[in-house]
N, C-alpha and C. Protein backbone atom coordinates (compact mmCIF):
# COMPACT_ATOMS: atom_id res chain seq x y z
N MET A 1 0.98 -1.00 0.07
CA MET A 1 -0.15 0.12 0.31
C MET A 1 0.66 1.22 -0.15
N GLY A 2 0.35 2.31 -0.79
CA GLY A 2 1.55 3.54 -0.84
C GLY A 2 1.68 4.28 0.33
N ASP A 3 0.63 4.09 1.11
CA ASP A 3 0.85 5.17 2.36
C ASP A 3 1.58 4.34 3.56
N SER A 4 2.15 3.20 3.27
CA SER A 4 2.59 2.72 4.44
C SER A 4 3.92 3.81 5.14
N GLY A 5 4.72 4.79 4.68
CA GLY A 5 5.21 5.41 5.53
C GLY A 5 4.16 6.14 6.46
N GLN A 6 3.59 6.53 6.27
CA GLN A 6 2.84 7.28 7.34
C GLN A 6 1.82 6.37 8.09
N LEU A 7 1.41 5.11 7.53
CA LEU A 7 0.55 4.50 8.51
C LEU A 7 1.35 3.09 9.18
N ASN A 8 0.65 2.53 10.08
CA ASN A 8 1.26 1.37 10.78
C ASN A 8 0.86 0.19 10.05
N LEU A 9 1.27 -0.29 9.44
CA LEU A 9 0.34 -1.41 8.21
C LEU A 9 1.60 -2.43 8.29
N ARG A 10 0.80 -3.50 8.84
CA ARG A 10 1.63 -4.75 8.93
C ARG A 10 1.97 -5.53 7.55
N PRO A 11 2.96 -6.31 7.52
CA PRO A 11 3.34 -6.94 6.22
C PRO A 11 3.04 -8.24 5.94
N LEU A 12 2.34 -8.63 4.83
CA LEU A 12 1.83 -9.86 4.36
C LEU A 12 3.28 -10.98 4.49
N ALA A 13 2.95 -11.85 5.58
CA ALA A 13 4.11 -12.87 5.53
C ALA A 13 3.62 -14.12 5.46
N LEU A 14 3.86 -14.67 3.97
CA LEU A 14 3.34 -16.06 3.57
C LEU A 14 4.61 -17.02 3.60
N PRO A 15 4.45 -18.03 3.87
CA PRO A 15 5.40 -19.32 4.15
C PRO A 15 6.38 -19.14 2.71
N GLY A 16 7.63 -19.67 2.66
CA GLY A 16 8.48 -19.91 1.81
C GLY A 16 7.77 -20.86 0.71
N SER A 17 6.76 -21.83 0.64
CA SER A 17 6.10 -22.25 -0.42
C SER A 17 5.29 -21.58 -1.12
N LEU A 18 4.94 -20.29 -0.55
CA LEU A 18 4.02 -19.50 -0.95
C LEU A 18 4.31 -18.05 -1.24
N ASP A 19 5.77 -17.75 -1.16
CA ASP A 19 6.52 -16.65 -1.18
C ASP A 19 6.27 -16.08 -2.59
N ASP A 20 6.09 -16.69 -3.81
CA ASP A 20 5.98 -16.21 -5.12
C ASP A 20 4.42 -15.33 -5.39
N LEU A 21 3.79 -15.74 -4.37
CA LEU A 21 2.37 -15.07 -4.17
C LEU A 21 2.20 -14.02 -3.66
N VAL A 22 3.33 -13.61 -2.90
CA VAL A 22 3.17 -12.44 -2.08
C VAL A 22 2.55 -11.42 -2.62
N GLY A 23 3.11 -10.70 -3.81
CA GLY A 23 2.88 -9.58 -4.73
C GLY A 23 1.76 -9.37 -5.25
N LEU A 24 1.27 -10.88 -5.55
CA LEU A 24 -0.24 -11.12 -6.14
C LEU A 24 -1.15 -10.75 -4.96
N VAL A 25 -1.18 -11.52 -4.04
CA VAL A 25 -2.08 -11.26 -2.84
C VAL A 25 -2.04 -10.00 -2.29
N GLY A 26 -0.81 -9.26 -1.98
CA GLY A 26 -0.99 -7.95 -1.72
C GLY A 26 -1.45 -7.31 -2.41
N ALA A 27 -1.35 -7.21 -3.70
CA ALA A 27 -2.40 -6.35 -4.76
C ALA A 27 -3.78 -6.81 -4.78
N ASP A 28 -4.26 -7.97 -4.36
CA ASP A 28 -5.18 -8.18 -4.44
C ASP A 28 -6.01 -7.52 -2.98
N LEU A 29 -5.22 -7.62 -1.76
CA LEU A 29 -6.04 -7.04 -0.55
C LEU A 29 -5.83 -5.50 -0.80
N ASP A 30 -4.74 -5.21 -1.62
CA ASP A 30 -4.69 -3.59 -1.50
C ASP A 30 -5.97 -3.17 -2.72
N ALA A 31 -6.49 -4.03 -3.64
CA ALA A 31 -7.45 -3.67 -4.21
C ALA A 31 -8.79 -3.68 -3.29
N ILE A 32 -8.89 -4.88 -2.74
CA ILE A 32 -10.03 -5.15 -1.72
C ILE A 32 -10.19 -3.90 -0.70
N VAL A 33 -8.97 -3.39 -0.03
CA VAL A 33 -8.92 -2.42 0.66
C VAL A 33 -9.36 -1.19 0.15
N THR A 34 -9.11 -0.57 -0.94
CA THR A 34 -9.42 0.65 -1.75
C THR A 34 -10.47 0.49 -2.14
N MET A 35 -11.63 -0.41 -2.36
CA MET A 35 -12.73 -0.59 -3.07
C MET A 35 -13.57 -0.26 -1.55
N LEU A 36 -13.37 -0.85 -0.43
CA LEU A 36 -14.00 -0.92 0.69
C LEU A 36 -14.05 0.66 1.36
N THR A 37 -12.84 1.20 1.39
CA THR A 37 -12.42 2.61 2.06
C THR A 37 -12.97 3.27 1.00
N ASP A 38 -12.94 3.44 -0.47
CA ASP A 38 -13.54 4.53 -1.18
C ASP A 38 -15.09 4.53 -1.03
N ARG A 39 -15.59 3.33 -1.21
CA ARG A 39 -17.16 3.24 -0.61
C ARG A 39 -17.56 3.87 0.28
N ALA A 40 -16.78 3.55 1.43
CA ALA A 40 -17.38 3.89 2.84
C ALA A 40 -16.95 5.48 2.71
N SER A 41 -16.05 5.94 2.06
CA SER A 41 -15.74 7.47 2.42
C SER A 41 -16.67 8.05 1.40
N GLN A 42 -17.15 7.85 0.39
CA GLN A 42 -18.46 8.23 -0.43
C GLN A 42 -19.61 8.19 0.27
N THR A 43 -19.94 7.18 0.92
CA THR A 43 -21.56 7.25 1.68
C THR A 43 -21.34 7.51 2.81
N LEU A 44 -20.44 7.61 3.80
CA LEU A 44 -20.17 7.98 5.24
C LEU A 44 -19.63 9.23 5.39
N LEU A 45 -19.10 9.69 4.04
CA LEU A 45 -18.38 11.40 4.09
C LEU A 45 -17.64 11.35 5.30
N LEU A 46 -16.50 10.06 5.03
CA LEU A 46 -15.44 10.11 5.90
C LEU A 46 -14.37 11.37 5.73
N SER A 47 -13.71 11.65 7.06
CA SER A 47 -12.65 12.67 6.86
C SER A 47 -11.42 12.11 6.60
N MET A 48 -10.49 12.76 6.10
CA MET A 48 -9.01 12.16 5.80
C MET A 48 -8.56 11.24 6.79
N ARG A 49 -8.63 11.85 7.87
CA ARG A 49 -8.34 11.23 9.16
C ARG A 49 -8.77 9.76 9.56
N GLN A 50 -10.39 9.85 9.42
CA GLN A 50 -11.18 8.54 9.11
C GLN A 50 -11.09 7.53 7.98
N ARG A 51 -10.80 8.21 6.76
CA ARG A 51 -10.39 7.51 5.63
C ARG A 51 -8.89 6.69 6.15
N ARG A 52 -7.90 7.32 6.57
CA ARG A 52 -6.63 6.73 6.75
C ARG A 52 -6.69 5.53 8.12
N GLN A 53 -7.47 5.73 8.74
CA GLN A 53 -7.50 4.98 10.02
C GLN A 53 -8.37 3.67 9.54
N LEU A 54 -9.50 3.91 8.53
CA LEU A 54 -10.08 2.84 8.17
C LEU A 54 -9.47 1.95 7.00
N ARG A 55 -8.31 2.50 6.23
CA ARG A 55 -7.85 1.91 5.65
C ARG A 55 -6.91 1.07 5.97
N CYS A 56 -6.05 1.62 7.26
CA CYS A 56 -4.96 0.98 7.86
C CYS A 56 -5.71 -0.18 8.59
N GLU A 57 -6.61 0.04 9.07
CA GLU A 57 -7.48 -1.18 9.84
C GLU A 57 -7.81 -2.22 9.08
N LEU A 58 -8.59 -1.99 8.03
CA LEU A 58 -8.89 -2.87 7.30
C LEU A 58 -7.74 -3.67 6.32
N TRP A 59 -6.87 -3.06 5.84
CA TRP A 59 -5.37 -3.78 5.74
C TRP A 59 -4.93 -4.41 7.09
N ASN A 60 -4.70 -3.92 8.08
CA ASN A 60 -4.28 -5.07 9.06
C ASN A 60 -5.02 -6.04 9.42
N ARG A 61 -6.12 -5.87 9.26
CA ARG A 61 -7.16 -7.13 9.79
C ARG A 61 -6.94 -7.86 8.50
N LEU A 62 -7.45 -7.74 7.43
CA LEU A 62 -7.03 -8.78 6.31
C LEU A 62 -5.82 -9.40 6.27
N VAL A 63 -4.69 -8.95 6.37
CA VAL A 63 -2.88 -9.34 6.30
C VAL A 63 -3.13 -10.25 7.34
N ASP A 64 -3.29 -9.54 8.54
CA ASP A 64 -3.68 -10.79 9.79
C ASP A 64 -4.44 -12.12 9.57
N SER A 65 -5.48 -12.12 9.16
CA SER A 65 -6.05 -13.29 8.85
C SER A 65 -5.64 -14.00 7.79
N VAL A 66 -4.81 -13.47 6.88
CA VAL A 66 -4.25 -14.33 5.94
C VAL A 66 -3.19 -14.94 6.57
N ASN A 67 -2.15 -14.18 6.88
CA ASN A 67 -1.15 -14.71 7.69
C ASN A 67 -1.04 -15.57 8.87
N ASP A 68 -2.33 -15.47 9.22
CA ASP A 68 -2.81 -16.51 10.47
C ASP A 68 -3.38 -18.13 9.67
N VAL A 69 -4.17 -17.77 8.73
CA VAL A 69 -4.56 -19.41 8.14
C VAL A 69 -3.69 -19.94 7.55
N VAL A 70 -2.70 -19.26 6.55
CA VAL A 70 -1.76 -19.73 5.87
C VAL A 70 -0.87 -20.19 6.62
N ALA A 71 -0.42 -19.57 8.03
CA ALA A 71 0.60 -20.15 9.07
C ALA A 71 0.36 -21.55 9.47
N ALA A 72 -1.34 -21.06 9.61
CA ALA A 72 -1.65 -22.75 10.39
C ALA A 72 -1.55 -23.77 9.25
N LEU A 73 -1.93 -23.71 8.24
CA LEU A 73 -1.87 -24.63 6.82
C LEU A 73 -0.16 -25.10 6.77
N ASP A 74 0.46 -23.99 6.50
CA ASP A 74 2.06 -24.57 6.72
C ASP A 74 2.31 -25.36 7.38
N VAL A 75 1.91 -25.30 8.88
CA VAL A 75 2.31 -26.00 10.10
C VAL A 75 1.66 -27.37 10.11
N GLU A 76 0.57 -27.53 9.52
CA GLU A 76 -0.29 -28.48 9.58
C GLU A 76 0.18 -29.57 8.48
N ASN A 77 0.64 -28.92 7.43
CA ASN A 77 1.25 -29.70 6.15
C ASN A 77 2.82 -29.92 6.45
N ARG A 78 3.26 -29.84 7.60
CA ARG A 78 4.91 -30.07 7.37
C ARG A 78 5.08 -31.43 8.13
C-alpha cells in the first residue's frame, strides 16, 4: 500500500512455499481495501483522518487473517 510510510501497516508474511504469491496477494488485498475505503468514504463522508484509519484497520485485519490461516496450513502440512 502506498501510504505505508505514514501508517502502521503490517506486512503480508506468507511461508516460503507461497513466497512467489506475496505480490499478487498483496495487490488483491490492496484492491479490496481501496474499494471498501472508497465506498465507505463516499457513503459516510469520512474525513481524511477517518479514511486513513479505516484503510489501515482494514489492511491490518485482512493481512492478519491471511497470515494466520496460511501459517496454520503450513504448520499442518509439515
